[in-house]
Protein backbone atom coordinates (compact mmCIF):
# COMPACT_ATOMS: atom_id res chain seq x y z
CA MET A 1 -0.56 3.18 -18.64
CA ASP A 2 0.25 -0.34 -17.64
CA ASN A 3 -0.80 -1.64 -14.47
CA LEU A 4 2.76 -1.12 -12.39
CA PHE A 5 2.43 2.55 -13.23
CA ILE A 6 -1.13 2.76 -11.96
CA LEU A 7 -0.57 0.85 -8.91
CA ALA A 8 2.69 3.08 -7.79
CA LEU A 9 0.49 5.85 -8.65
CA LEU A 10 -2.38 4.59 -6.36
CA TYR A 11 0.07 3.98 -3.71
CA LEU A 12 1.72 7.41 -3.78
CA ILE A 13 -2.06 8.75 -3.21
CA TYR A 14 -2.41 6.20 -0.36
CA MET A 15 0.76 7.29 1.16
CA GLY A 16 -0.66 11.13 1.01
CA VAL A 17 -4.45 10.37 2.30
CA SER A 18 -2.54 8.33 5.25
CA PHE A 19 -0.57 11.76 6.15
CA TYR A 20 -3.60 13.90 5.84
CA ILE A 21 -6.51 11.80 7.53
CA PHE A 22 -3.74 10.62 10.50
CA ASN A 23 -3.32 14.13 11.40
CA TYR A 24 -0.10 14.75 9.54
CA ASN A 25 1.87 12.32 11.40
CA PHE A 26 4.73 10.57 9.46
CA PHE A 27 4.91 7.81 11.94
CA SER A 28 1.32 5.94 11.51
CA PRO A 29 1.61 2.47 10.90
CA SER A 30 -0.53 3.33 7.24
CA LEU A 31 2.24 5.75 6.32
CA PHE A 32 5.22 3.61 6.88
CA PHE A 33 3.30 0.50 5.11
CA CYS A 34 2.56 2.79 1.95
CA VAL A 35 5.80 4.51 1.86
CA SER A 36 7.37 0.74 1.45
CA MET A 37 4.94 0.11 -0.71
CA SER A 38 5.36 3.47 -2.60
CA VAL A 39 9.23 3.12 -2.62
CA MET A 40 9.27 -0.51 -3.68
CA LEU A 41 6.54 0.06 -6.94
CA CYS A 42 8.56 3.34 -7.80
CA PHE A 43 11.98 1.29 -7.57
CA SER A 44 10.09 -1.99 -9.62
CA TYR A 45 8.54 0.54 -12.70
CA TYR A 46 11.82 2.70 -13.06
CA ALA A 47 14.08 -0.97 -12.58
CA GLY A 48 11.87 -2.20 -15.44
CA THR A 49 12.01 0.82 -17.93
CA ASN A 50 15.49 1.82 -17.72
CA LEU A 51 17.48 -1.21 -15.83
CA GLY A 52 16.24 -4.27 -17.91
CA MET A 53 14.82 -6.23 -15.05
CA LEU A 54 11.95 -8.47 -15.59
CA LEU A 55 9.15 -6.48 -13.24
CA ALA A 56 5.60 -6.49 -14.49
CA ILE A 57 2.43 -7.42 -13.16
CA ASN A 58 -0.96 -8.85 -13.71
CA MET A 59 -4.33 -7.97 -12.91
CA GLU A 60 -4.79 -10.57 -10.13
CA THR A 61 -1.78 -8.94 -8.38
CA PHE A 62 -3.02 -5.23 -9.01
CA THR A 63 -6.01 -6.12 -7.38
CA ILE A 64 -4.43 -7.62 -4.49
CA PHE A 65 -2.09 -4.79 -4.13
CA ALA A 66 -4.52 -2.19 -4.52
CA TRP A 67 -7.03 -3.49 -1.93
CA GLY A 68 -4.58 -4.35 0.44
CA GLY A 69 -3.17 -0.80 0.68
CA PHE A 70 -7.13 0.41 1.27
CA ILE A 71 -7.52 -2.13 3.88
CA PHE A 72 -4.74 -1.57 5.89
CA ILE A 73 -5.69 2.27 5.89
CA ALA A 74 -9.23 1.77 6.58
CA THR A 75 -8.60 -0.56 9.68
CA GLU A 76 -6.24 2.12 10.99
CA PHE A 77 -8.63 4.44 10.43
CA ILE A 78 -11.32 3.07 12.80
CA VAL A 79 -8.51 2.65 15.60
CA TYR A 80 -7.59 5.83 15.15
CA ALA A 81 -11.14 7.22 15.16
CA ASN A 82 -11.85 5.23 18.51
CA HIS A 83 -8.75 6.59 20.25
CA THR A 84 -9.59 10.24 18.77
CA VAL A 85 -12.82 10.00 20.67
CA ASN A 86 -12.15 8.18 23.87
CA HIS A 87 -8.92 10.76 24.46
CA PHE A 88 -10.03 13.93 22.93
CA HIS A 89 -7.69 16.45 24.07
CA SER A 90 -6.55 14.50 26.99
CA SER A 91 -2.46 14.20 27.74
CA THR A 92 -1.76 14.01 23.91
CA ILE A 93 0.81 16.96 24.46
CA GLN A 94 3.74 16.31 26.58
CA ASN A 95 4.99 19.16 28.24
CA ASP A 96 8.39 20.80 27.63
CA SER A 97 8.76 22.16 30.58
CA LEU A 98 9.61 18.81 32.13
CA LYS A 99 13.15 17.99 32.86
CA TYR A 100 14.21 14.54 31.72
CA GLU A 101 16.31 12.79 33.67
CA PRO A 102 18.94 10.67 31.76
CA LEU A 103 18.81 6.94 32.13
CA ILE A 104 21.81 5.67 33.55
CA ILE A 105 23.49 2.34 32.95
CA HIS A 106 26.41 1.22 35.91
CA PRO A 107 29.72 1.38 33.84
CA GLN A 108 30.55 -1.96 34.79
CA ILE A 109 27.65 -3.21 33.47
CA GLN A 110 28.46 -1.17 30.36
CA TRP A 111 31.80 -2.58 30.06
CA ALA A 112 30.64 -6.11 30.61
CA ALA A 113 27.99 -5.61 28.17
CA THR A 114 30.61 -4.67 25.39
CA LEU A 115 32.86 -7.40 26.43
CA PHE A 116 29.96 -9.83 25.56
CA LEU A 117 29.01 -8.51 22.15
CA ALA A 118 32.83 -8.43 21.20
CA MET A 119 33.02 -12.07 22.05
CA SER A 120 29.73 -12.90 20.32
CA PHE A 121 31.27 -11.23 17.06
CA LEU A 122 34.45 -13.06 17.52
CA ALA A 123 32.15 -16.40 17.93
CA SER A 124 30.39 -15.62 14.86
CA VAL A 125 33.30 -15.40 12.85
CA ALA A 126 34.35 -18.78 14.55
CA LEU A 127 31.18 -20.55 13.33
CA VAL A 128 31.56 -19.77 10.25
CA LEU A 129 35.57 -20.94 9.84
CA ILE A 130 34.31 -24.05 11.33
CA ASN A 131 31.34 -24.98 9.10
CA THR A 132 33.16 -23.94 6.07
CA GLY A 133 35.45 -25.54 3.84
CA GLY A 134 38.26 -22.91 2.88
CA GLY A 135 39.03 -20.34 0.57
CA SER A 136 38.35 -16.26 0.90
CA TRP A 137 36.15 -14.97 3.69
CA SER A 138 33.58 -14.28 0.68
CA ALA A 139 33.65 -17.67 -0.57
CA ARG A 140 33.18 -19.04 3.25
CA MET A 141 30.19 -16.96 3.50
CA ILE A 142 28.43 -17.98 0.46
CA GLU A 143 29.15 -21.81 1.85
CA TYR A 144 28.14 -20.92 4.89
CA LYS A 145 24.72 -19.06 3.78
CA ASP A 146 23.84 -22.04 1.65
CA LYS A 147 24.11 -24.52 4.65
CA LEU A 148 21.99 -21.81 6.39
CA ILE A 149 19.31 -22.11 4.06
CA TYR A 150 19.49 -25.91 3.14
CA HIS A 151 21.28 -27.57 5.63
CA VAL A 152 20.89 -25.38 9.26
CA ASN A 153 20.88 -28.59 11.29
CA ASP A 154 24.25 -29.58 9.99
CA LEU A 155 25.98 -26.70 11.04
CA ARG A 156 27.97 -27.46 14.07
CA TYR A 157 27.78 -24.86 17.49
CA ARG A 158 25.01 -22.71 15.58
CA PHE A 159 22.42 -23.21 18.88
CA ILE A 160 25.24 -21.86 20.93
CA VAL A 161 25.92 -18.67 18.89
CA ALA A 162 21.93 -18.54 18.39
CA GLN A 163 21.34 -17.87 22.33
CA LEU A 164 24.09 -15.23 21.91
CA TYR A 165 22.55 -13.50 19.68
CA LYS A 166 19.35 -13.39 21.39
CA ILE A 167 21.10 -11.99 24.54
CA GLY A 168 22.52 -9.76 21.90
CA ILE A 169 19.26 -8.17 20.70
CA ILE A 170 18.29 -7.25 23.86
CA ILE A 171 21.65 -5.98 24.86
CA ALA A 172 21.47 -3.62 21.55
CA ASP A 173 17.93 -2.51 21.55
CA SER A 174 18.26 -1.60 25.11
CA PHE A 175 21.62 0.36 25.09
CA GLY A 176 20.51 1.52 21.55
CA TYR A 177 17.30 3.02 23.44
CA VAL A 178 19.56 4.65 25.90
CA LEU A 179 21.98 6.03 23.47
CA VAL A 180 19.45 7.98 21.61
CA TYR A 181 17.25 9.35 24.51
CA ASN A 182 20.22 10.41 26.28
CA LEU A 183 21.66 12.02 23.43
CA THR A 184 18.32 13.47 21.99
CA VAL A 185 16.29 14.33 24.76
CA CYS A 186 18.25 14.70 27.89
CA ASN A 187 21.23 16.70 25.47
CA ILE A 188 23.94 14.88 26.84
CA PRO A 189 27.68 15.07 24.47
CA ALA A 190 27.99 12.21 22.24
CA ARG A 191 31.84 12.08 23.22
CA LYS A 192 30.36 10.85 27.06
CA LEU A 193 28.15 8.01 25.07
CA ILE A 194 31.00 6.33 23.30
CA LEU A 195 30.60 3.03 24.61
CA TYR A 196 26.95 2.99 23.57
CA PHE A 197 28.04 3.65 20.04
CA VAL A 198 30.36 0.93 19.88
CA ASP A 199 27.97 -1.58 21.62
CA VAL A 200 25.64 -0.90 18.59
CA LEU A 201 28.14 -1.48 15.98
CA LEU A 202 29.18 -4.62 17.53
CA PHE A 203 26.21 -6.12 17.65
CA ALA A 204 25.57 -5.27 13.75
CA LEU A 205 28.81 -6.85 12.98
CA PHE A 206 28.02 -9.82 14.68
CA SER A 207 24.29 -9.84 13.16
CA SER A 208 25.36 -9.45 9.95
CA VAL A 209 28.00 -12.80 10.16
CA PHE A 210 25.48 -14.51 12.18
CA SER A 211 22.93 -14.47 9.95
CA GLY A 212 24.56 -14.10 6.41
CA ALA A 213 22.77 -10.88 5.37
CA ARG A 214 22.93 -7.19 6.17
CA ARG A 215 19.20 -7.02 7.08
CA SER A 216 19.66 -7.20 10.80
CA ALA A 217 22.08 -4.54 11.06
CA ILE A 218 19.96 -2.35 8.69
CA GLU A 219 17.11 -2.98 10.80
CA LEU A 220 19.43 -2.12 14.02
CA PHE A 221 19.90 1.11 12.43
CA LEU A 222 16.27 1.69 11.30
CA PHE A 223 15.16 1.21 14.72
CA LEU A 224 17.55 3.74 16.48
CA ALA A 225 15.91 6.19 13.60
CA MET A 226 12.56 5.48 15.08
CA ILE A 227 12.99 5.66 18.51
CA PHE A 228 14.41 8.72 17.75
CA VAL A 229 11.15 10.23 16.24
CA THR A 230 8.91 8.60 18.85
CA LEU A 231 10.72 10.43 21.17
CA ASN A 232 10.63 13.60 19.64
CA MET A 233 6.78 13.40 18.91
CA LYS A 234 6.11 16.85 20.79
CA PRO A 235 5.72 20.48 20.17
CA GLY A 236 8.72 21.61 18.29
CA GLY A 237 9.77 17.93 17.80
CA LYS A 238 8.53 17.79 13.81
CA LYS A 239 11.24 20.77 13.20
CA LYS A 240 13.81 18.35 14.80
CA ILE A 241 13.16 15.35 13.01
CA LEU A 242 13.03 17.42 9.76
CA LYS A 243 16.27 18.76 10.50
CA LEU A 244 17.74 15.01 10.81
CA ILE A 245 15.86 14.21 7.85
CA VAL A 246 17.77 16.75 5.89
CA LYS A 247 21.41 16.02 7.40
CA SER A 248 20.75 12.49 6.88
CA ILE A 249 20.76 12.85 2.95
CA PRO A 250 24.63 12.29 2.92
CA VAL A 251 24.23 9.36 5.40
CA VAL A 252 22.05 7.55 3.39
CA ILE A 253 24.29 7.96 -0.07
CA ILE A 254 27.42 6.89 1.85
CA ALA A 255 25.00 3.80 3.51
CA ALA A 256 24.01 3.11 -0.19
CA SER A 257 27.87 2.42 -0.68
CA LEU A 258 28.48 0.41 2.21
CA PHE A 259 25.31 -1.71 1.15
CA THR A 260 27.43 -2.85 -1.89
CA ILE A 261 30.33 -3.21 0.31
CA ALA A 262 29.34 -4.74 3.14
CA GLY A 263 27.46 -7.32 0.59
CA THR A 264 30.71 -8.58 -0.63
CA TRP A 265 32.12 -9.24 2.57
CA ILE A 266 29.14 -11.53 3.69
CA GLY A 267 29.26 -13.40 0.37
CA ARG A 268 27.29 -11.50 -2.19
CA TYR A 269 29.04 -10.91 -5.37
CA GLU A 270 27.97 -7.57 -6.18
CA ASN A 271 28.73 -7.29 -9.82
CA LYS A 272 26.30 -5.14 -11.16
CA GLY A 273 25.99 -1.17 -10.69
CA GLY A 274 25.12 -0.32 -7.46
CA LEU A 275 21.69 1.11 -8.55
CA GLN A 276 20.87 -2.30 -9.77
CA ASN A 277 21.97 -4.02 -6.58
CA VAL A 278 19.54 -1.67 -4.51
CA ALA A 279 16.72 -2.39 -6.97
CA GLU A 280 16.83 -6.03 -6.94
CA TYR A 281 16.98 -6.36 -3.13
CA ILE A 282 14.02 -4.00 -3.08
CA CYS A 283 11.72 -5.20 -5.90
CA GLY A 284 12.45 -8.98 -6.03
CA GLY A 285 9.16 -9.74 -3.40
CA LEU A 286 7.19 -8.27 -6.01
CA TYR A 287 8.54 -10.24 -9.14
CA SER A 288 8.19 -13.45 -7.17
CA PHE A 289 4.77 -12.78 -5.79
CA ASN A 290 3.82 -12.20 -9.77
CA LEU A 291 5.74 -15.28 -10.93
CA HIS A 292 3.59 -17.47 -8.49
CA ILE A 293 0.36 -15.62 -8.22
CA ASP A 294 -1.39 -18.29 -10.63
CA GLU A 295 -0.63 -21.19 -8.40
CA GLY A 296 -3.33 -19.56 -5.52
CA ALA A 297 -3.46 -21.31 -2.18
CA SER A 298 -1.25 -23.97 -2.21
CA THR A 299 0.41 -25.10 1.23
CA LYS A 300 -0.17 -28.28 2.95
CA LEU A 301 -0.79 -27.41 6.25
CA PHE A 302 -2.95 -24.68 7.62
CA GLY A 303 -1.00 -21.37 7.76
CA GLN A 304 2.38 -23.32 6.61
CA ALA A 305 3.78 -20.25 5.13
CA SER A 306 2.16 -17.40 7.29
CA PHE A 307 2.62 -19.49 10.27
CA SER A 308 6.03 -21.00 9.60
CA TYR A 309 8.43 -19.87 12.26
CA LEU A 310 5.34 -21.43 15.01
CA TYR A 311 5.33 -24.65 13.07
CA ALA A 312 9.09 -25.16 14.15
CA ILE A 313 7.99 -26.06 17.59
CA PRO A 314 6.01 -29.09 16.90
CA GLN A 315 8.53 -29.71 14.30
CA ASN A 316 11.19 -29.95 17.10
CA MET A 317 8.81 -32.05 19.14
CA GLY A 318 8.56 -34.42 16.24
CA LEU A 319 4.88 -33.72 15.71
CA ILE A 320 5.07 -33.27 12.27
CA PRO A 321 7.52 -34.37 9.67
CA ARG A 322 10.70 -31.66 9.42
CA ASP A 323 10.70 -30.01 6.00
CA ASP A 324 13.27 -27.32 5.12
CA THR A 325 11.01 -25.83 2.63
CA ILE A 326 8.00 -25.06 4.81
CA MET A 327 8.50 -21.43 5.15
CA ILE A 328 7.46 -21.24 1.60
CA THR A 329 7.04 -23.53 -1.78
CA GLY A 330 8.25 -22.23 -5.23
CA LYS A 331 11.49 -21.66 -7.09
CA PHE A 332 13.10 -18.43 -7.10
CA ASP A 333 15.50 -18.32 -9.70
CA ILE A 334 16.52 -14.47 -9.45
CA TYR A 335 15.99 -11.35 -7.79
CA GLY A 336 16.24 -13.50 -4.17
CA ASN A 337 13.59 -15.19 -2.34
CA THR A 338 11.15 -12.81 -1.28
CA VAL A 339 7.62 -12.48 -2.38
CA THR A 340 6.45 -8.95 -0.20
CA ILE A 341 4.06 -8.95 2.87
CA PHE A 342 1.25 -10.38 1.15
CA GLY A 343 3.12 -13.42 -0.37
CA ARG A 344 3.31 -15.92 2.38
CA TRP A 345 -0.60 -14.87 2.97
CA TYR A 346 -1.66 -15.65 -0.18
CA ARG A 347 0.27 -18.42 -0.79
CA ASP A 348 -1.81 -20.07 2.30
CA PHE A 349 -5.32 -18.60 2.37
CA GLY A 350 -5.47 -16.82 -1.03
CA ALA A 351 -6.77 -13.00 -1.57
CA ILE A 352 -9.27 -13.42 1.02
CA GLY A 353 -6.82 -14.37 3.55
CA VAL A 354 -4.76 -11.32 2.27
CA PHE A 355 -7.17 -8.91 3.16
CA VAL A 356 -7.90 -10.39 6.68
CA MET A 357 -4.30 -10.81 7.59
CA THR A 358 -3.86 -7.18 6.58
CA SER A 359 -6.98 -6.18 8.33
CA LEU A 360 -5.27 -7.79 11.79
CA VAL A 361 -1.77 -6.71 10.99
CA SER A 362 -3.08 -3.11 10.88
CA TRP A 363 -5.31 -3.06 14.01
CA PHE A 364 -2.24 -4.62 16.08
CA TYR A 365 0.63 -1.64 14.58
CA SER A 366 -2.48 0.76 15.14
CA TRP A 367 -3.34 -0.35 18.76
CA MET A 368 0.16 -0.31 19.52
CA PHE A 369 0.85 3.31 18.16
CA TYR A 370 -2.02 5.31 19.26
CA SER A 371 -2.82 3.75 22.88
CA LYS A 372 1.01 3.13 23.99
CA ILE A 373 2.79 6.06 21.58
CA ILE A 374 0.41 8.78 20.78
CA TYR A 375 -2.83 8.60 23.52
CA SER A 376 -1.05 7.33 26.43
CA ASN A 377 -2.65 8.60 29.62
CA ASN A 378 0.83 8.12 31.39
CA ILE A 379 3.04 10.02 28.42
CA THR A 380 5.10 11.68 31.11
CA LYS A 381 6.25 8.31 32.22
CA GLU A 382 7.56 8.12 28.82
CA HIS A 383 6.55 4.04 28.62
CA HIS A 384 10.22 3.45 27.61
CA LEU A 385 9.21 -0.63 26.71
CA ALA A 386 6.46 0.42 24.51
CA ARG A 387 8.61 2.43 22.49
CA ILE A 388 11.29 -0.30 22.06
CA TYR A 389 8.98 -3.03 21.18
CA TYR A 390 7.07 -0.87 18.85
CA CYS A 391 10.18 0.28 17.19
CA GLN A 392 11.64 -3.01 17.17
CA TRP A 393 8.71 -4.68 15.51
CA MET A 394 7.90 -1.81 13.15
CA THR A 395 10.42 -3.40 10.50
CA GLY A 396 7.36 -5.57 9.62
CA LEU A 397 5.96 -2.69 7.91
CA ILE A 398 9.08 -1.04 6.43
CA TRP A 399 10.03 -4.24 4.81
CA ALA A 400 6.28 -4.51 3.69
CA GLY A 401 7.25 -3.82 0.00
CA GLY A 402 9.80 -6.59 0.07
CA ASP A 403 9.51 -9.44 2.56
CA ASP A 404 6.98 -10.67 5.12
CA ARG A 405 8.69 -9.77 8.32
CA ILE A 406 5.47 -10.60 10.45
CA ALA A 407 5.79 -13.89 10.30
CA PRO A 408 9.22 -14.12 12.16
CA LEU A 409 7.20 -12.07 15.07
CA MET A 410 5.25 -14.84 15.80
CA THR A 411 7.68 -17.23 17.57
CA MET A 412 8.77 -17.74 20.99
CA GLU A 413 11.92 -15.70 20.68
CA THR A 414 9.13 -12.71 20.46
CA VAL A 415 7.72 -13.52 23.49
CA ILE A 416 11.26 -13.89 25.23
CA PHE A 417 12.71 -10.98 23.66
CA VAL A 418 9.47 -9.01 25.43
CA ILE A 419 9.97 -10.48 28.96
CA PHE A 420 13.90 -9.94 28.88
CA THR A 421 13.99 -6.98 27.56
CA ALA A 422 11.80 -5.98 30.31
CA LEU A 423 13.76 -7.37 33.21
CA PHE A 424 16.82 -6.23 31.95
CA PHE A 425 15.55 -2.55 31.59
CA LYS A 426 14.36 -2.98 35.25
CA MET A 427 17.11 -4.53 36.51
CA PHE A 428 20.32 -2.52 34.89
CA ILE A 429 18.64 0.89 33.67
CA ASN A 430 15.40 1.87 35.47
CA LYS A 431 14.44 0.34 38.55
CA ASN A 432 11.41 2.50 38.69
CA LEU A 433 10.28 1.66 35.40
CA LYS A 434 6.66 1.20 34.41
CA LEU A 435 6.73 -2.05 32.86
CA PHE A 436 4.38 -2.77 29.47
């Protein structure tokens, strides 16, 4: 058996262990992390043996991934054990007899938000048209994405649209939360929530064009799915979740086709089979990580790759030279430019740094999950913001097998998101809200 097969098998075992030791909770951080890695590794093994993709791993890669998964689970177990002891049998079960009041947004605010998202979408389209030379829409998107990667500072009016994007995230997450809460907790008919659906769709379109990628839209719908799960983590809730999973199977199949179609719309030429397109999207991080692992820690500045988004601040202030390749070094010729969640950490700090960063990330997500979602002493007050933040940031674990989505969270934008989401929610949705 080769290293890739053994590693895939090991993470499947990790996944089962996580499910068992964390009280069969399929929303624990470790389970999300292990599922992401397992999907990537199993897909990698299948793609390497059946699709001809160049996927194989050396012993160093195997060691880092094997120990990384173990450390993530072990760290969560420490946090889990601590909260279990401190909150044994205390307010961990929601009272189904409680009557939950729906979250109401004034119709004028709803229509204003819809108009804002529609205008933002048109602004993103105009941004592409202004900064590209001509040709078909796909050709324009290819040119636009090339500028995003290599010449982002040359894009005219991008700063303005970027501010619309930041506001749009707050609206989409807040309205998306209200949509799922009212639909599943308060059982309000879907026909009365049409405008919320429209807002979510508009932001998905806006974010896809502005970022030149499908990931933002995918993450939005994953966010909504995770909100649904956290809202139903109560007696009888698991059956409701399992029913949703079964009903979602056709949606997933349709989504895979839309994934390819959307790729063409944003400038990706999908000239391979749909399965191989998905495989390359999921497995590219492992390929690139293994390709560059022999180089070891090789960045110039401390945490240059891991904290690249933080370095943007002193860059903009002129304190350090602007370097378009500061995100990460290395040539990525095929299968994309991602390096799994471990890639940036390894490039900066080597194997030990990977294990330290893995432990820190596991602790943060575990603390959020057990103190704010599971064992909150005020669970009947519903902690709306805690769920929004947690589910928004869970994308860092969902993409763990493909890319490092932790680095983009360590920015001033995250601080702004936290503050303004709280203010928006309190001003327009729930004035009696307990702030996070």
